């Protein structure tokens, strides 16, 4: 294996990291593969070596963030009466460590490209079903409604982050003196 082959997985992750940051900052349409390449310090054809289109790159960023989210929710161990709160903390922690990816997941439904919209729909459906299953298995009453509230709260938190309006989530604001 050549040294270049050894760097390939690392470069791919660097490309995904740069793409997540640029998509989060500039949006889907203003982010180009040329900008991603420049941010990583590679050529645009090198980006295309891993991702044939910008859409494929965006979907890869969503997949990685989705995997992180599912892993975080799956790893939460808690008594039933604390499960939603602890899963909420796991979500909050991901916002701290992988903010761009998580916010992109939470906003991806707004991008009108058919493949992105379909991927977003599928991922939200999987997230909903997994959370509902966790809640139901924990014996949480009306697991479907509680899951909808949990996902809705996550969307509200993401919106407050994107808009920089913490007052949208008053239970997270510091109390006034």
N, C-alpha and C. Protein backbone atom coordinates (compact mmCIF):
# COMPACT_ATOMS: atom_id res chain seq x y z
N UNK A 1 0.85 -1.17 0.00
CA UNK A 1 0.00 0.00 0.00
C UNK A 1 0.90 1.24 0.00
N UNK A 2 0.60 2.18 -0.85
CA UNK A 2 1.41 3.39 -0.94
C UNK A 2 1.03 4.35 0.18
N UNK A 3 1.92 5.30 0.50
CA UNK A 3 1.58 6.29 1.53
C UNK A 3 0.30 7.06 1.18
N UNK A 4 0.09 7.29 -0.12
CA UNK A 4 -1.12 8.00 -0.53
C UNK A 4 -2.37 7.18 -0.17
N UNK A 5 -2.31 5.85 -0.33
CA UNK A 5 -3.43 4.99 0.02
C UNK A 5 -3.69 5.03 1.53
N UNK A 6 -2.61 5.12 2.33
CA UNK A 6 -2.76 5.20 3.78
C UNK A 6 -3.49 6.47 4.19
N UNK A 7 -3.29 7.55 3.44
CA UNK A 7 -3.91 8.83 3.77
C UNK A 7 -5.36 8.92 3.30
N UNK A 8 -5.75 8.06 2.37
CA UNK A 8 -7.07 8.18 1.74
C UNK A 8 -8.22 8.19 2.75
N UNK A 9 -8.30 7.23 3.70
CA UNK A 9 -9.42 7.28 4.65
C UNK A 9 -9.40 8.56 5.48
N UNK A 10 -8.21 9.01 5.88
CA UNK A 10 -8.09 10.24 6.65
C UNK A 10 -8.54 11.43 5.81
N UNK A 11 -8.13 11.48 4.55
CA UNK A 11 -8.53 12.56 3.66
C UNK A 11 -10.04 12.56 3.45
N UNK A 12 -10.61 11.37 3.32
CA UNK A 12 -12.05 11.29 3.15
C UNK A 12 -12.77 11.89 4.35
N UNK A 13 -12.29 11.59 5.55
CA UNK A 13 -12.88 12.17 6.76
C UNK A 13 -12.67 13.68 6.79
N UNK A 14 -11.50 14.14 6.36
CA UNK A 14 -11.24 15.58 6.30
C UNK A 14 -12.20 16.26 5.32
N UNK A 15 -12.44 15.61 4.20
CA UNK A 15 -13.38 16.15 3.22
C UNK A 15 -14.78 16.21 3.82
N UNK A 16 -15.20 15.16 4.52
CA UNK A 16 -16.51 15.17 5.16
C UNK A 16 -16.61 16.26 6.23
N UNK A 17 -15.55 16.42 7.02
CA UNK A 17 -15.55 17.46 8.05
C UNK A 17 -15.67 18.85 7.42
N UNK A 18 -14.86 19.10 6.40
CA UNK A 18 -14.90 20.41 5.72
C UNK A 18 -16.26 20.64 5.07
N UNK A 19 -16.78 19.61 4.44
CA UNK A 19 -18.09 19.74 3.79
C UNK A 19 -19.17 20.04 4.82
N UNK A 20 -19.15 19.36 5.95
CA UNK A 20 -20.15 19.62 7.00
C UNK A 20 -20.09 21.07 7.44
N UNK A 21 -18.90 21.57 7.65
CA UNK A 21 -18.74 22.95 8.08
C UNK A 21 -19.24 23.92 7.01
N UNK A 22 -18.85 23.68 5.77
CA UNK A 22 -19.26 24.59 4.70
C UNK A 22 -20.76 24.51 4.42
N UNK A 23 -21.32 23.31 4.40
CA UNK A 23 -22.77 23.20 4.19
C UNK A 23 -23.52 23.91 5.32
N UNK A 24 -23.02 23.78 6.55
CA UNK A 24 -23.68 24.42 7.68
C UNK A 24 -23.56 25.95 7.60
N UNK A 25 -22.41 26.45 7.16
CA UNK A 25 -22.19 27.89 7.09
C UNK A 25 -22.85 28.53 5.87
N UNK A 26 -22.70 27.88 4.71
CA UNK A 26 -23.11 28.50 3.45
C UNK A 26 -24.41 27.95 2.89
N UNK A 27 -24.82 26.80 3.36
CA UNK A 27 -25.99 26.16 2.81
C UNK A 27 -25.60 25.23 1.66
N UNK A 28 -26.56 24.45 1.24
CA UNK A 28 -26.32 23.45 0.21
C UNK A 28 -25.94 24.09 -1.13
N UNK A 29 -26.67 25.10 -1.53
CA UNK A 29 -26.48 25.65 -2.88
C UNK A 29 -25.22 26.50 -3.02
N UNK A 30 -24.82 27.18 -1.98
CA UNK A 30 -23.62 28.02 -2.07
C UNK A 30 -22.33 27.25 -1.82
N UNK A 31 -22.44 26.07 -1.26
CA UNK A 31 -21.24 25.25 -1.04
C UNK A 31 -20.92 24.52 -2.34
N UNK A 32 -19.66 24.61 -2.74
CA UNK A 32 -19.22 23.90 -3.94
C UNK A 32 -18.15 22.89 -3.57
N UNK A 33 -17.96 21.91 -4.43
CA UNK A 33 -16.89 20.95 -4.19
C UNK A 33 -15.53 21.63 -4.30
N UNK A 34 -15.45 22.71 -5.07
CA UNK A 34 -14.19 23.46 -5.14
C UNK A 34 -13.87 24.10 -3.79
N UNK A 35 -14.87 24.64 -3.11
CA UNK A 35 -14.65 25.21 -1.77
C UNK A 35 -14.25 24.13 -0.77
N UNK A 36 -14.88 22.97 -0.87
CA UNK A 36 -14.53 21.87 0.02
C UNK A 36 -13.09 21.46 -0.22
N UNK A 37 -12.71 21.31 -1.48
CA UNK A 37 -11.34 20.93 -1.82
C UNK A 37 -10.34 21.95 -1.28
N UNK A 38 -10.64 23.22 -1.45
CA UNK A 38 -9.75 24.28 -0.97
C UNK A 38 -9.60 24.21 0.55
N UNK A 39 -10.69 23.97 1.25
CA UNK A 39 -10.66 23.89 2.71
C UNK A 39 -9.78 22.75 3.20
N UNK A 40 -9.74 21.66 2.44
CA UNK A 40 -8.96 20.48 2.83
C UNK A 40 -7.52 20.58 2.32
N UNK A 41 -7.32 21.39 1.27
CA UNK A 41 -5.99 21.50 0.68
C UNK A 41 -5.73 20.43 -0.37
N UNK A 42 -6.79 20.03 -1.06
CA UNK A 42 -6.68 19.05 -2.14
C UNK A 42 -7.32 19.64 -3.38
N UNK A 43 -7.22 18.93 -4.48
CA UNK A 43 -7.83 19.39 -5.71
C UNK A 43 -9.29 18.95 -5.77
N UNK A 44 -10.06 19.64 -6.57
CA UNK A 44 -11.46 19.27 -6.75
C UNK A 44 -11.60 17.85 -7.32
N UNK A 45 -10.77 17.44 -8.28
CA UNK A 45 -10.86 16.05 -8.75
C UNK A 45 -10.62 15.03 -7.63
N UNK A 46 -9.79 15.39 -6.65
CA UNK A 46 -9.56 14.48 -5.53
C UNK A 46 -10.84 14.29 -4.72
N UNK A 47 -11.62 15.36 -4.53
CA UNK A 47 -12.91 15.25 -3.85
C UNK A 47 -13.81 14.31 -4.65
N UNK A 48 -13.79 14.46 -5.98
CA UNK A 48 -14.62 13.61 -6.84
C UNK A 48 -14.15 12.16 -6.85
N UNK A 49 -12.93 11.92 -6.41
CA UNK A 49 -12.45 10.54 -6.27
C UNK A 49 -13.30 9.79 -5.24
N UNK A 50 -13.73 10.50 -4.20
CA UNK A 50 -14.53 9.89 -3.14
C UNK A 50 -16.03 10.09 -3.34
N UNK A 51 -16.41 11.24 -3.86
CA UNK A 51 -17.82 11.60 -3.99
C UNK A 51 -18.04 12.12 -5.40
N UNK A 52 -18.86 11.45 -6.17
CA UNK A 52 -19.02 11.76 -7.60
C UNK A 52 -19.74 13.08 -7.83
N UNK A 53 -20.56 13.51 -6.87
CA UNK A 53 -21.31 14.76 -7.00
C UNK A 53 -21.37 15.46 -5.65
N UNK A 54 -21.74 16.73 -5.69
CA UNK A 54 -21.95 17.47 -4.45
C UNK A 54 -23.09 16.84 -3.65
N UNK A 55 -24.12 16.40 -4.33
CA UNK A 55 -25.23 15.75 -3.66
C UNK A 55 -24.78 14.49 -2.93
N UNK A 56 -23.93 13.69 -3.57
CA UNK A 56 -23.41 12.48 -2.93
C UNK A 56 -22.59 12.85 -1.70
N UNK A 57 -21.82 13.92 -1.78
CA UNK A 57 -21.04 14.40 -0.64
C UNK A 57 -21.97 14.83 0.50
N UNK A 58 -23.00 15.58 0.19
CA UNK A 58 -23.95 16.03 1.21
C UNK A 58 -24.62 14.83 1.87
N UNK A 59 -25.03 13.87 1.07
CA UNK A 59 -25.67 12.67 1.61
C UNK A 59 -24.72 11.90 2.52
N UNK A 60 -23.44 11.88 2.18
CA UNK A 60 -22.45 11.20 3.03
C UNK A 60 -22.31 11.92 4.37
N UNK A 61 -22.36 13.24 4.35
CA UNK A 61 -22.32 14.01 5.60
C UNK A 61 -23.54 13.68 6.44
N UNK A 62 -24.71 13.62 5.80
CA UNK A 62 -25.94 13.26 6.53
C UNK A 62 -25.84 11.85 7.11
N UNK A 63 -25.34 10.91 6.31
CA UNK A 63 -25.20 9.53 6.79
C UNK A 63 -24.32 9.45 8.03
N UNK A 64 -23.20 10.16 7.98
CA UNK A 64 -22.28 10.12 9.12
C UNK A 64 -22.93 10.71 10.37
N UNK A 65 -23.60 11.84 10.21
CA UNK A 65 -24.29 12.45 11.34
C UNK A 65 -25.41 11.58 11.86
N UNK A 66 -26.16 10.98 10.95
CA UNK A 66 -27.25 10.08 11.33
C UNK A 66 -26.70 8.90 12.13
N UNK A 67 -25.60 8.32 11.68
CA UNK A 67 -25.00 7.20 12.40
C UNK A 67 -24.60 7.62 13.81
N UNK A 68 -24.05 8.82 13.94
CA UNK A 68 -23.67 9.32 15.27
C UNK A 68 -24.90 9.47 16.16
N UNK A 69 -25.97 9.99 15.58
CA UNK A 69 -27.20 10.21 16.34
C UNK A 69 -27.81 8.89 16.80
N UNK A 70 -27.92 7.95 15.91
CA UNK A 70 -28.49 6.64 16.26
C UNK A 70 -27.63 5.96 17.31
N UNK A 71 -26.32 6.03 17.16
CA UNK A 71 -25.41 5.41 18.12
C UNK A 71 -25.57 6.07 19.50
N UNK A 72 -25.66 7.39 19.51
CA UNK A 72 -25.81 8.10 20.79
C UNK A 72 -27.11 7.72 21.48
N UNK A 73 -28.22 7.68 20.74
CA UNK A 73 -29.50 7.33 21.34
C UNK A 73 -29.52 5.87 21.77
N UNK A 74 -28.90 5.01 21.00
CA UNK A 74 -28.89 3.58 21.34
C UNK A 74 -28.06 3.30 22.58
N UNK A 75 -27.07 4.14 22.83
CA UNK A 75 -26.17 3.91 23.95
C UNK A 75 -26.68 4.41 25.28
N UNK A 76 -27.79 5.11 25.28
CA UNK A 76 -28.32 5.66 26.53
C UNK A 76 -28.92 4.54 27.37
N UNK A 77 -28.42 4.41 28.58
CA UNK A 77 -28.98 3.47 29.56
C UNK A 77 -29.59 4.31 30.67
N UNK A 78 -30.82 3.98 31.01
CA UNK A 78 -31.50 4.83 31.97
C UNK A 78 -32.76 4.15 32.47
N UNK A 79 -33.19 4.50 33.68
CA UNK A 79 -34.52 4.06 34.12
C UNK A 79 -35.56 4.72 33.21
N UNK A 80 -36.71 4.09 33.01
CA UNK A 80 -37.73 4.62 32.10
C UNK A 80 -38.11 6.08 32.35
N UNK A 81 -38.21 6.49 33.60
CA UNK A 81 -38.64 7.86 33.89
C UNK A 81 -37.57 8.91 33.55
N UNK A 82 -36.36 8.48 33.24
CA UNK A 82 -35.28 9.41 32.88
C UNK A 82 -34.81 9.24 31.44
N UNK A 83 -35.38 8.29 30.72
CA UNK A 83 -34.89 7.96 29.38
C UNK A 83 -34.94 9.14 28.43
N UNK A 84 -36.06 9.82 28.33
CA UNK A 84 -36.17 10.94 27.40
C UNK A 84 -35.17 12.04 27.75
N UNK A 85 -35.04 12.34 29.04
CA UNK A 85 -34.08 13.38 29.45
C UNK A 85 -32.65 12.98 29.09
N UNK A 86 -32.29 11.76 29.37
CA UNK A 86 -30.92 11.32 29.09
C UNK A 86 -30.65 11.25 27.59
N UNK A 87 -31.65 10.86 26.82
CA UNK A 87 -31.48 10.90 25.36
C UNK A 87 -31.36 12.35 24.89
N UNK A 88 -32.08 13.25 25.55
CA UNK A 88 -31.95 14.68 25.25
C UNK A 88 -30.55 15.18 25.54
N UNK A 89 -29.96 14.71 26.64
CA UNK A 89 -28.59 15.09 26.96
C UNK A 89 -27.62 14.55 25.91
N UNK A 90 -27.88 13.33 25.42
CA UNK A 90 -27.04 12.76 24.37
C UNK A 90 -27.13 13.61 23.11
N UNK A 91 -28.32 14.09 22.78
CA UNK A 91 -28.51 14.97 21.63
C UNK A 91 -27.74 16.27 21.85
N UNK A 92 -27.86 16.84 23.04
CA UNK A 92 -27.17 18.09 23.36
C UNK A 92 -25.65 17.91 23.27
N UNK A 93 -25.17 16.76 23.74
CA UNK A 93 -23.73 16.48 23.67
C UNK A 93 -23.27 16.41 22.21
N UNK A 94 -24.07 15.77 21.36
CA UNK A 94 -23.72 15.72 19.94
C UNK A 94 -23.71 17.11 19.32
N UNK A 95 -24.61 17.97 19.75
CA UNK A 95 -24.59 19.35 19.26
C UNK A 95 -23.28 20.03 19.64
N UNK A 96 -22.74 19.65 20.78
CA UNK A 96 -21.47 20.22 21.21
C UNK A 96 -20.27 19.66 20.46
N UNK A 97 -20.32 18.39 20.12
CA UNK A 97 -19.15 17.75 19.49
C UNK A 97 -19.24 17.66 17.96
N UNK A 98 -20.44 17.58 17.42
CA UNK A 98 -20.64 17.43 15.97
C UNK A 98 -21.79 18.32 15.50
N UNK A 99 -21.73 19.56 15.92
CA UNK A 99 -22.81 20.52 15.70
C UNK A 99 -23.25 20.58 14.24
N UNK A 100 -22.29 20.76 13.34
CA UNK A 100 -22.65 20.94 11.93
C UNK A 100 -23.43 19.75 11.38
N UNK A 101 -22.96 18.56 11.64
CA UNK A 101 -23.65 17.37 11.12
C UNK A 101 -25.05 17.25 11.69
N UNK A 102 -25.19 17.46 12.97
CA UNK A 102 -26.49 17.30 13.61
C UNK A 102 -27.46 18.36 13.11
N UNK A 103 -27.01 19.60 13.01
CA UNK A 103 -27.89 20.65 12.49
C UNK A 103 -28.26 20.39 11.04
N UNK A 104 -27.33 19.86 10.25
CA UNK A 104 -27.66 19.53 8.85
C UNK A 104 -28.73 18.46 8.78
N UNK A 105 -28.65 17.46 9.64
CA UNK A 105 -29.69 16.43 9.68
C UNK A 105 -31.03 17.07 9.99
N UNK A 106 -31.04 17.93 10.98
CA UNK A 106 -32.29 18.52 11.44
C UNK A 106 -32.88 19.50 10.42
N UNK A 107 -32.06 19.98 9.48
CA UNK A 107 -32.54 20.92 8.47
C UNK A 107 -32.66 20.31 7.08
N UNK A 108 -32.20 19.10 6.92
CA UNK A 108 -32.10 18.51 5.57
C UNK A 108 -33.44 18.41 4.85
N UNK A 109 -34.52 18.31 5.60
CA UNK A 109 -35.84 18.21 4.98
C UNK A 109 -36.20 19.45 4.18
N UNK A 110 -35.52 20.57 4.45
CA UNK A 110 -35.84 21.83 3.78
C UNK A 110 -35.15 21.98 2.43
N UNK A 111 -34.24 21.07 2.09
CA UNK A 111 -33.56 21.14 0.80
C UNK A 111 -34.43 20.42 -0.23
N UNK A 112 -34.83 21.11 -1.29
CA UNK A 112 -35.81 20.52 -2.21
C UNK A 112 -35.27 19.48 -3.20
N UNK A 113 -33.99 19.20 -3.18
CA UNK A 113 -33.45 18.19 -4.10
C UNK A 113 -34.10 16.85 -3.76
N UNK A 114 -34.67 16.15 -4.74
CA UNK A 114 -35.43 14.92 -4.45
C UNK A 114 -34.64 13.85 -3.68
N UNK A 115 -33.40 13.61 -4.04
CA UNK A 115 -32.62 12.57 -3.35
C UNK A 115 -32.35 12.96 -1.90
N UNK A 116 -32.10 14.23 -1.66
CA UNK A 116 -31.83 14.70 -0.30
C UNK A 116 -33.12 14.66 0.52
N UNK A 117 -34.19 15.11 -0.07
CA UNK A 117 -35.48 15.09 0.64
C UNK A 117 -35.87 13.65 0.98
N UNK A 118 -35.66 12.71 0.05
CA UNK A 118 -36.00 11.31 0.31
C UNK A 118 -35.11 10.72 1.41
N UNK A 119 -33.81 11.03 1.34
CA UNK A 119 -32.89 10.53 2.38
C UNK A 119 -33.28 11.10 3.74
N UNK A 120 -33.64 12.37 3.78
CA UNK A 120 -34.05 13.00 5.03
C UNK A 120 -35.30 12.32 5.58
N UNK A 121 -36.26 12.07 4.72
CA UNK A 121 -37.50 11.40 5.13
C UNK A 121 -37.20 10.03 5.71
N UNK A 122 -36.35 9.27 5.02
CA UNK A 122 -36.00 7.92 5.49
C UNK A 122 -35.29 7.97 6.83
N UNK A 123 -34.37 8.91 7.00
CA UNK A 123 -33.60 8.99 8.24
C UNK A 123 -34.48 9.42 9.41
N UNK A 124 -35.36 10.42 9.18
CA UNK A 124 -36.27 10.82 10.25
C UNK A 124 -37.21 9.69 10.61
N UNK A 125 -37.63 8.92 9.63
CA UNK A 125 -38.51 7.78 9.90
C UNK A 125 -37.80 6.74 10.76
N UNK A 126 -36.56 6.46 10.43
CA UNK A 126 -35.77 5.49 11.21
C UNK A 126 -35.56 6.01 12.63
N UNK A 127 -35.19 7.28 12.75
CA UNK A 127 -34.98 7.86 14.08
C UNK A 127 -36.27 7.77 14.89
N UNK A 128 -37.38 8.16 14.28
CA UNK A 128 -38.66 8.10 14.98
C UNK A 128 -38.97 6.68 15.45
N UNK A 129 -38.84 5.71 14.55
CA UNK A 129 -39.17 4.32 14.91
C UNK A 129 -38.26 3.80 16.03
N UNK A 130 -36.98 4.12 15.96
CA UNK A 130 -36.05 3.63 17.00
C UNK A 130 -36.34 4.26 18.36
N UNK A 131 -36.62 5.56 18.36
CA UNK A 131 -36.94 6.21 19.63
C UNK A 131 -38.26 5.66 20.17
N UNK A 132 -39.25 5.54 19.30
CA UNK A 132 -40.55 5.00 19.74
C UNK A 132 -40.38 3.59 20.31
N UNK A 133 -39.54 2.79 19.67
CA UNK A 133 -39.28 1.43 20.18
C UNK A 133 -38.61 1.48 21.55
N UNK A 134 -37.64 2.37 21.71
CA UNK A 134 -36.97 2.51 23.01
C UNK A 134 -37.97 2.92 24.08
N UNK A 135 -38.82 3.90 23.75
CA UNK A 135 -39.81 4.38 24.71
C UNK A 135 -40.81 3.27 25.04
N UNK A 136 -41.29 2.58 24.01
CA UNK A 136 -42.27 1.50 24.24
C UNK A 136 -41.66 0.39 25.08
N UNK A 137 -40.43 -0.01 24.77
CA UNK A 137 -39.77 -1.07 25.53
C UNK A 137 -39.50 -0.66 26.98
N UNK A 138 -39.38 0.64 27.20
CA UNK A 138 -39.17 1.14 28.57
C UNK A 138 -40.49 1.27 29.32
N UNK A 139 -41.61 1.02 28.62
CA UNK A 139 -42.91 1.11 29.26
C UNK A 139 -43.44 2.54 29.39
N UNK A 140 -42.90 3.44 28.59
CA UNK A 140 -43.35 4.83 28.64
C UNK A 140 -44.75 4.89 28.02
N UNK A 141 -45.71 5.42 28.76
CA UNK A 141 -47.08 5.50 28.23
C UNK A 141 -47.14 6.38 26.98
N UNK A 142 -47.97 5.97 26.04
CA UNK A 142 -48.18 6.68 24.78
C UNK A 142 -46.83 7.00 24.11
N UNK A 143 -46.09 5.94 23.85
CA UNK A 143 -44.74 6.07 23.29
C UNK A 143 -44.73 6.85 21.98
N UNK A 144 -45.77 6.69 21.16
CA UNK A 144 -45.81 7.42 19.89
C UNK A 144 -45.87 8.93 20.11
N UNK A 145 -46.76 9.37 20.97
CA UNK A 145 -46.88 10.80 21.25
C UNK A 145 -45.62 11.34 21.91
N UNK A 146 -45.05 10.57 22.83
CA UNK A 146 -43.82 11.01 23.50
C UNK A 146 -42.66 11.10 22.51
N UNK A 147 -42.63 10.19 21.56
CA UNK A 147 -41.59 10.23 20.53
C UNK A 147 -41.76 11.47 19.66
N UNK A 148 -42.98 11.76 19.27
CA UNK A 148 -43.22 12.96 18.46
C UNK A 148 -42.79 14.21 19.22
N UNK A 149 -43.08 14.27 20.50
CA UNK A 149 -42.66 15.41 21.32
C UNK A 149 -41.14 15.50 21.40
N UNK A 150 -40.49 14.35 21.56
CA UNK A 150 -39.03 14.31 21.66
C UNK A 150 -38.40 14.82 20.35
N UNK A 151 -38.86 14.29 19.22
CA UNK A 151 -38.32 14.72 17.92
C UNK A 151 -38.63 16.20 17.68
N UNK A 152 -39.84 16.61 18.00
CA UNK A 152 -40.21 18.01 17.83
C UNK A 152 -39.35 18.94 18.67
N UNK A 153 -39.04 18.52 19.88
CA UNK A 153 -38.16 19.31 20.74
C UNK A 153 -36.77 19.40 20.13
N UNK A 154 -36.29 18.29 19.57
CA UNK A 154 -34.99 18.32 18.89
C UNK A 154 -34.97 19.29 17.73
N UNK A 155 -36.05 19.31 16.96
CA UNK A 155 -36.16 20.27 15.85
C UNK A 155 -36.18 21.70 16.35
N UNK A 156 -36.88 21.94 17.45
CA UNK A 156 -36.93 23.27 18.04
C UNK A 156 -35.55 23.70 18.55
N UNK A 157 -34.84 22.79 19.17
CA UNK A 157 -33.50 23.09 19.65
C UNK A 157 -32.58 23.42 18.47
N UNK A 158 -32.68 22.63 17.40
CA UNK A 158 -31.87 22.89 16.21
C UNK A 158 -32.20 24.26 15.62
N UNK A 159 -33.48 24.58 15.54
CA UNK A 159 -33.89 25.88 15.02
C UNK A 159 -33.33 27.01 15.87
N UNK A 160 -33.39 26.86 17.19
CA UNK A 160 -32.86 27.90 18.07
C UNK A 160 -31.36 28.07 17.90
N UNK A 161 -30.66 26.96 17.62
CA UNK A 161 -29.22 27.02 17.38
C UNK A 161 -28.91 27.74 16.07
N UNK A 162 -29.61 27.37 15.01
CA UNK A 162 -29.36 27.95 13.69
C UNK A 162 -29.67 29.45 13.69
N UNK A 163 -30.77 29.81 14.31
CA UNK A 163 -31.18 31.22 14.33
C UNK A 163 -30.52 32.02 15.45
N UNK A 164 -29.78 31.33 16.32
CA UNK A 164 -29.15 31.95 17.47
C UNK A 164 -30.20 32.68 18.31
N UNK A 165 -31.29 31.96 18.58
CA UNK A 165 -32.39 32.47 19.40
C UNK A 165 -32.64 31.51 20.57
N UNK A 166 -31.82 31.57 21.59
CA UNK A 166 -31.98 30.64 22.71
C UNK A 166 -33.32 30.79 23.42
N UNK A 167 -33.97 31.95 23.26
CA UNK A 167 -35.27 32.13 23.92
C UNK A 167 -36.35 31.21 23.36
N UNK A 168 -36.09 30.57 22.24
CA UNK A 168 -37.04 29.59 21.71
C UNK A 168 -37.13 28.35 22.61
N UNK A 169 -36.10 28.12 23.40
CA UNK A 169 -36.10 26.99 24.32
C UNK A 169 -35.88 27.53 25.74
N UNK A 170 -36.93 28.11 26.33
CA UNK A 170 -36.79 28.81 27.61
C UNK A 170 -36.31 27.93 28.76
N UNK A 171 -36.55 26.63 28.69
CA UNK A 171 -36.10 25.77 29.77
C UNK A 171 -34.59 25.61 29.77
N UNK A 172 -33.91 26.11 28.73
CA UNK A 172 -32.44 26.03 28.68
C UNK A 172 -31.79 27.37 28.96
N UNK A 173 -32.58 28.44 29.05
CA UNK A 173 -32.02 29.76 29.31
C UNK A 173 -31.63 29.89 30.78
N UNK A 174 -30.53 30.61 31.04
CA UNK A 174 -30.20 30.88 32.44
C UNK A 174 -31.30 31.75 33.07
N UNK A 175 -31.59 31.50 34.33
CA UNK A 175 -32.62 32.27 35.00
C UNK A 175 -32.12 33.67 35.28
N UNK A 176 -33.03 34.64 35.13
CA UNK A 176 -32.69 36.02 35.41
C UNK A 176 -32.60 36.22 36.91
N UNK A 177 -31.72 37.14 37.30
CA UNK A 177 -31.57 37.43 38.74
C UNK A 177 -32.69 38.28 39.26
